[in-house]
Amino acid sequence: MLGWLRRYTKWLHTRWPAGTVERLPLAHEDGSTNVPGLYIVGDITGIPLLKFSSHTGARAVQTIVADSGFQGRKQEAGVLDLVVIGGGVSGMAAALEAQKQGLDFRVLEASEPFSTVVNFPEGKPIFTYPTEMVPAGDLQFSDQAAVKEGLVVELRRQTLENGIEPVIARAECVGHKGAHLEVVVPGGENLVAHRVVVGIGRSGNFRKLGILGEDLDKVYNRLYDPKDYCEQDALVGGGGDSALET
């Protein structure tokens, strides 16, 4: 009995912190990093909230435009003002601000715009906290977007329908090229820019357990629509918020 109780107590993670703490990039409040010209925004800054993602994206571009070094840049053929990596909420908020400021920019997105939100389960309730917060920039959230589908429509209306067109391509890394930054795009054309904003979120590649059978067609790493699994037997692996929601 006591052995079972000890195992159960350990399973409840009473010895916090459990596991390894994820390391996040170090950035200042305006998104700037120790790499000159490189900014990070959105979930990757450590606050996974829609309003903060939108706010950080717009604020990073506002900071860039206000920078005297950027204002004194030389216009050169083949050198963009800005490259935004990631077409999620933070990246698209940055793109809207870049468009508003008249910058020559590109947005790179590996899959589809707002892919994380698009892949939320059908009918997922959306909570835009803090409720009293008004993000910087033009990408805003209304009370009408209370579920995933409404939010997707609203986000696309404010961005894609206003001329923000992401390039579907995966950026591999960002490096220096002379006085500029170069975004390496495998199989495509590398982009050179005065500034780069990274808003890739934190979803990344899902972790695998390394066990037999996890590559079968019936094994998934995301719950798309709960109704598809109604009255079926299912095993959920994990104890985090996503597993509990599933």
Protein backbone atom coordinates (compact mmCIF):
# COMPACT_ATOMS: atom_id res chain seq x y z
CA MET A 1 0.00 0.00 0.00
CA LEU A 2 2.75 2.46 0.95
CA GLY A 3 4.70 1.63 -2.24
CA TRP A 4 1.65 2.38 -4.38
CA LEU A 5 1.09 5.64 -2.50
CA ARG A 6 4.70 6.70 -3.08
CA ARG A 7 4.40 5.98 -6.80
CA TYR A 8 1.13 7.90 -6.98
CA THR A 9 2.62 10.85 -5.12
CA LYS A 10 5.58 10.92 -7.50
CA TRP A 11 3.18 10.77 -10.45
CA LEU A 12 1.49 13.91 -9.12
CA HIS A 13 4.80 15.75 -9.46
CA THR A 14 5.05 16.79 -5.84
CA ARG A 15 8.79 17.30 -6.28
CA TRP A 16 8.61 20.46 -8.36
CA PRO A 17 10.03 21.53 -10.68
CA ALA A 18 9.32 18.40 -12.68
CA GLY A 19 11.42 17.66 -15.73
CA THR A 20 13.71 20.14 -17.44
CA VAL A 21 12.87 23.82 -17.65
CA GLU A 22 12.77 24.99 -21.27
CA ARG A 23 15.30 27.67 -22.06
CA LEU A 24 13.91 30.68 -23.90
CA PRO A 25 15.86 33.32 -25.84
CA LEU A 26 16.90 36.37 -23.86
CA ALA A 27 15.32 39.57 -25.11
CA HIS A 28 14.58 43.07 -23.89
CA GLU A 29 11.04 44.37 -23.42
CA ASP A 30 11.01 45.81 -26.95
CA GLY A 31 11.98 42.43 -28.44
CA SER A 32 15.60 43.34 -29.19
CA THR A 33 18.28 40.74 -28.49
CA ASN A 34 22.04 40.62 -28.04
CA VAL A 35 22.26 40.08 -31.81
CA PRO A 36 22.09 43.58 -33.34
CA GLY A 37 19.08 43.92 -35.63
CA LEU A 38 17.42 40.67 -34.52
CA TYR A 39 14.14 40.80 -32.58
CA ILE A 40 11.95 38.05 -31.10
CA VAL A 41 8.22 38.37 -30.52
CA GLY A 42 5.19 36.31 -29.53
CA ASP A 43 5.10 33.04 -27.60
CA ILE A 44 8.83 32.55 -27.88
CA THR A 45 9.29 35.45 -25.44
CA GLY A 46 7.61 33.31 -22.76
CA ILE A 47 4.04 34.68 -22.58
CA PRO A 48 1.67 32.48 -24.64
CA LEU A 49 -1.27 34.89 -24.85
CA LEU A 50 -2.82 36.19 -28.08
CA LYS A 51 -2.92 39.83 -27.03
CA PHE A 52 0.71 39.79 -25.89
CA SER A 53 1.74 38.14 -29.17
CA SER A 54 0.03 40.87 -31.19
CA HIS A 55 1.42 43.58 -28.91
CA THR A 56 5.04 42.37 -29.08
CA GLY A 57 4.93 42.03 -32.86
CA ALA A 58 3.74 45.59 -33.41
CA ARG A 59 5.98 47.07 -30.72
CA ALA A 60 9.11 45.46 -32.18
CA VAL A 61 8.51 47.15 -35.54
CA GLN A 62 7.70 50.45 -33.85
CA THR A 63 11.02 50.18 -32.00
CA ILE A 64 12.86 49.40 -35.24
CA VAL A 65 11.35 52.40 -37.04
CA ALA A 66 12.24 54.71 -34.14
CA ASP A 67 15.87 53.52 -34.08
CA SER A 68 18.25 56.19 -35.43
CA GLY A 69 20.52 53.51 -36.88
CA PHE A 70 17.65 52.11 -38.92
CA GLN A 71 16.52 55.57 -39.97
CA GLY A 72 20.00 56.26 -41.38
CA ARG A 73 20.17 53.01 -43.36
CA LYS A 74 21.28 53.03 -47.00
CA GLN A 75 18.82 51.81 -49.60
CA GLU A 76 20.57 48.98 -51.43
CA ALA A 77 19.39 46.68 -54.19
CA GLY A 78 18.52 43.26 -52.83
CA VAL A 79 18.40 44.40 -49.21
CA LEU A 80 14.99 44.51 -47.53
CA ASP A 81 14.11 46.77 -44.64
CA LEU A 82 12.67 43.86 -42.68
CA VAL A 83 12.10 40.11 -42.79
CA VAL A 84 9.45 38.63 -40.49
CA ILE A 85 9.86 34.92 -39.78
CA GLY A 86 6.54 33.35 -38.82
CA GLY A 87 3.01 34.08 -40.03
CA GLY A 88 1.25 33.66 -36.72
CA VAL A 89 -0.37 36.34 -34.58
CA SER A 90 2.89 38.06 -33.59
CA GLY A 91 4.45 37.86 -37.05
CA MET A 92 1.33 39.15 -38.79
CA ALA A 93 0.99 41.97 -36.26
CA ALA A 94 4.58 42.92 -37.10
CA ALA A 95 3.78 42.74 -40.82
CA LEU A 96 0.75 45.01 -40.41
CA GLU A 97 2.90 47.57 -38.61
CA ALA A 98 5.62 47.28 -41.27
CA GLN A 99 3.01 47.87 -43.97
CA LYS A 100 1.67 50.87 -42.06
CA GLN A 101 5.19 52.32 -41.78
CA GLY A 102 5.84 51.85 -45.50
CA LEU A 103 8.70 49.38 -45.06
CA ASP A 104 9.98 47.03 -47.74
CA PHE A 105 9.42 43.67 -46.02
CA ARG A 106 8.71 39.97 -46.46
CA VAL A 107 6.91 37.49 -44.23
CA LEU A 108 8.02 33.85 -44.24
CA GLU A 109 5.62 31.14 -43.04
CA ALA A 110 6.48 27.43 -43.07
CA SER A 111 2.93 26.05 -43.38
CA GLU A 112 -0.03 28.46 -43.50
CA PRO A 113 -0.90 31.81 -41.89
CA PHE A 114 -2.09 31.44 -38.29
CA SER A 115 -1.48 27.68 -38.48
CA THR A 116 -1.49 27.20 -34.70
CA VAL A 117 -4.92 28.81 -34.34
CA VAL A 118 -6.24 27.07 -37.47
CA ASN A 119 -5.29 23.70 -35.96
CA PHE A 120 -7.09 24.32 -32.67
CA PRO A 121 -9.91 21.80 -32.11
CA GLU A 122 -13.21 22.70 -33.78
CA GLY A 123 -15.30 25.06 -31.67
CA LYS A 124 -12.47 25.68 -29.17
CA PRO A 125 -13.36 28.63 -26.88
CA ILE A 126 -10.96 31.55 -27.20
CA PHE A 127 -10.03 33.71 -24.21
CA THR A 128 -8.23 36.94 -25.01
CA TYR A 129 -6.65 37.84 -21.71
CA PRO A 130 -5.97 40.29 -20.16
CA THR A 131 -9.47 41.50 -21.06
CA GLU A 132 -8.68 45.17 -20.42
CA MET A 133 -5.49 45.14 -22.51
CA VAL A 134 -5.44 46.88 -25.90
CA PRO A 135 -2.44 45.62 -27.91
CA ALA A 136 -0.21 48.03 -29.78
CA GLY A 137 -0.68 48.13 -33.53
CA ASP A 138 -3.65 47.37 -35.74
CA LEU A 139 -4.18 43.64 -35.09
CA GLN A 140 -6.98 43.62 -32.51
CA PHE A 141 -9.42 41.12 -31.00
CA SER A 142 -13.16 41.63 -30.69
CA ASP A 143 -15.72 39.93 -28.49
CA GLN A 144 -17.09 38.28 -31.64
CA ALA A 145 -14.10 35.92 -31.81
CA ALA A 146 -15.20 33.77 -28.87
CA VAL A 147 -14.40 30.49 -30.64
CA LYS A 148 -11.60 29.30 -32.92
CA GLU A 149 -13.53 29.68 -36.19
CA GLY A 150 -14.55 33.27 -35.50
CA LEU A 151 -11.02 34.17 -34.47
CA VAL A 152 -9.54 32.74 -37.68
CA VAL A 153 -11.99 34.74 -39.80
CA GLU A 154 -11.18 37.91 -37.87
CA LEU A 155 -7.41 37.45 -38.10
CA ARG A 156 -7.53 36.76 -41.85
CA ARG A 157 -9.79 39.75 -42.46
CA GLN A 158 -7.37 42.10 -40.71
CA THR A 159 -4.25 40.78 -42.43
CA LEU A 160 -4.61 38.65 -45.58
CA GLU A 161 -7.50 40.72 -46.87
CA ASN A 162 -5.47 43.87 -46.25
CA GLY A 163 -2.64 42.84 -48.51
CA ILE A 164 -0.34 40.94 -46.13
CA GLU A 165 0.87 38.00 -48.24
CA PRO A 166 3.27 35.58 -46.51
CA VAL A 167 5.78 33.66 -48.61
CA ILE A 168 5.38 29.95 -47.89
CA ALA A 169 8.94 28.94 -47.06
CA ARG A 170 10.85 27.62 -44.07
CA ALA A 171 13.68 29.71 -42.68
CA GLU A 172 16.56 27.60 -41.41
CA CYS A 173 18.70 30.20 -39.65
CA VAL A 174 19.67 33.85 -39.47
CA GLY A 175 23.27 34.94 -39.88
CA HIS A 176 25.36 37.99 -40.65
CA LYS A 177 26.14 39.09 -44.19
CA GLY A 178 28.36 42.11 -43.98
CA ALA A 179 26.48 44.84 -42.15
CA HIS A 180 23.16 43.09 -42.74
CA LEU A 181 21.32 39.99 -41.62
CA GLU A 182 20.71 37.04 -43.93
CA VAL A 183 17.79 34.63 -43.56
CA VAL A 184 18.74 31.24 -44.97
CA VAL A 185 15.88 29.55 -46.86
CA PRO A 186 16.78 25.98 -47.93
CA GLY A 187 15.64 25.30 -51.48
CA GLY A 188 14.71 28.94 -51.96
CA GLU A 189 16.25 32.37 -52.20
CA ASN A 190 17.99 33.68 -49.11
CA LEU A 191 16.77 37.06 -47.90
CA VAL A 192 19.04 39.90 -46.82
CA ALA A 193 17.63 42.64 -44.60
CA HIS A 194 18.51 45.46 -42.24
CA ARG A 195 16.33 43.94 -39.48
CA VAL A 196 14.77 40.55 -38.76
CA VAL A 197 11.80 39.78 -36.50
CA VAL A 198 11.38 36.16 -35.35
CA GLY A 199 7.86 35.14 -34.35
CA ILE A 200 7.91 31.36 -34.75
CA GLY A 201 5.97 30.47 -31.61
CA ARG A 202 6.88 27.50 -29.46
CA SER A 203 5.07 24.59 -31.11
CA GLY A 204 8.07 23.36 -33.05
CA ASN A 205 8.33 19.63 -33.72
CA PHE A 206 6.40 17.44 -31.31
CA ARG A 207 8.38 15.20 -28.99
CA LYS A 208 8.38 11.45 -29.56
CA LEU A 209 8.57 8.75 -26.91
CA GLY A 210 10.71 6.37 -28.94
CA ILE A 211 8.33 3.46 -28.44
CA LEU A 212 6.95 0.79 -30.75
CA GLY A 213 3.82 1.82 -32.62
CA GLU A 214 4.00 5.60 -32.26
CA ASP A 215 4.39 5.96 -36.04
CA LEU A 216 1.09 4.20 -36.76
CA ASP A 217 -1.64 6.10 -38.61
CA LYS A 218 -3.91 6.00 -35.55
CA VAL A 219 -1.40 7.88 -33.38
CA TYR A 220 -1.82 11.67 -33.41
CA ASN A 221 -0.01 14.57 -31.79
CA ARG A 222 -2.85 17.06 -31.98
CA LEU A 223 -6.59 16.91 -31.31
CA TYR A 224 -8.33 18.43 -34.32
CA ASP A 225 -12.01 17.77 -33.70
CA PRO A 226 -13.22 15.97 -30.54
CA LYS A 227 -16.39 14.81 -32.32
CA ASP A 228 -14.25 12.57 -34.56
CA TYR A 229 -13.39 10.46 -31.53
CA CYS A 230 -16.80 10.36 -29.86
CA GLU A 231 -17.55 6.96 -28.25
CA GLN A 232 -14.15 5.58 -29.25
CA ASP A 233 -11.52 4.17 -26.93
CA ALA A 234 -8.52 6.49 -26.71
CA LEU A 235 -5.28 6.67 -24.79
CA VAL A 236 -3.86 10.13 -24.01
CA GLY A 237 -0.15 10.32 -23.27
CA GLY A 238 0.94 13.31 -21.20
CA GLY A 239 -0.15 15.25 -18.15
CA GLY A 240 0.02 18.86 -19.31
CA ASP A 241 -2.76 21.28 -20.22
CA SER A 242 -3.01 20.01 -23.80
CA ALA A 243 -3.39 16.43 -22.61
CA LEU A 244 -6.03 17.39 -20.08
CA GLU A 245 -7.96 19.38 -22.68
CA THR A 246 -7.79 16.39 -25.03
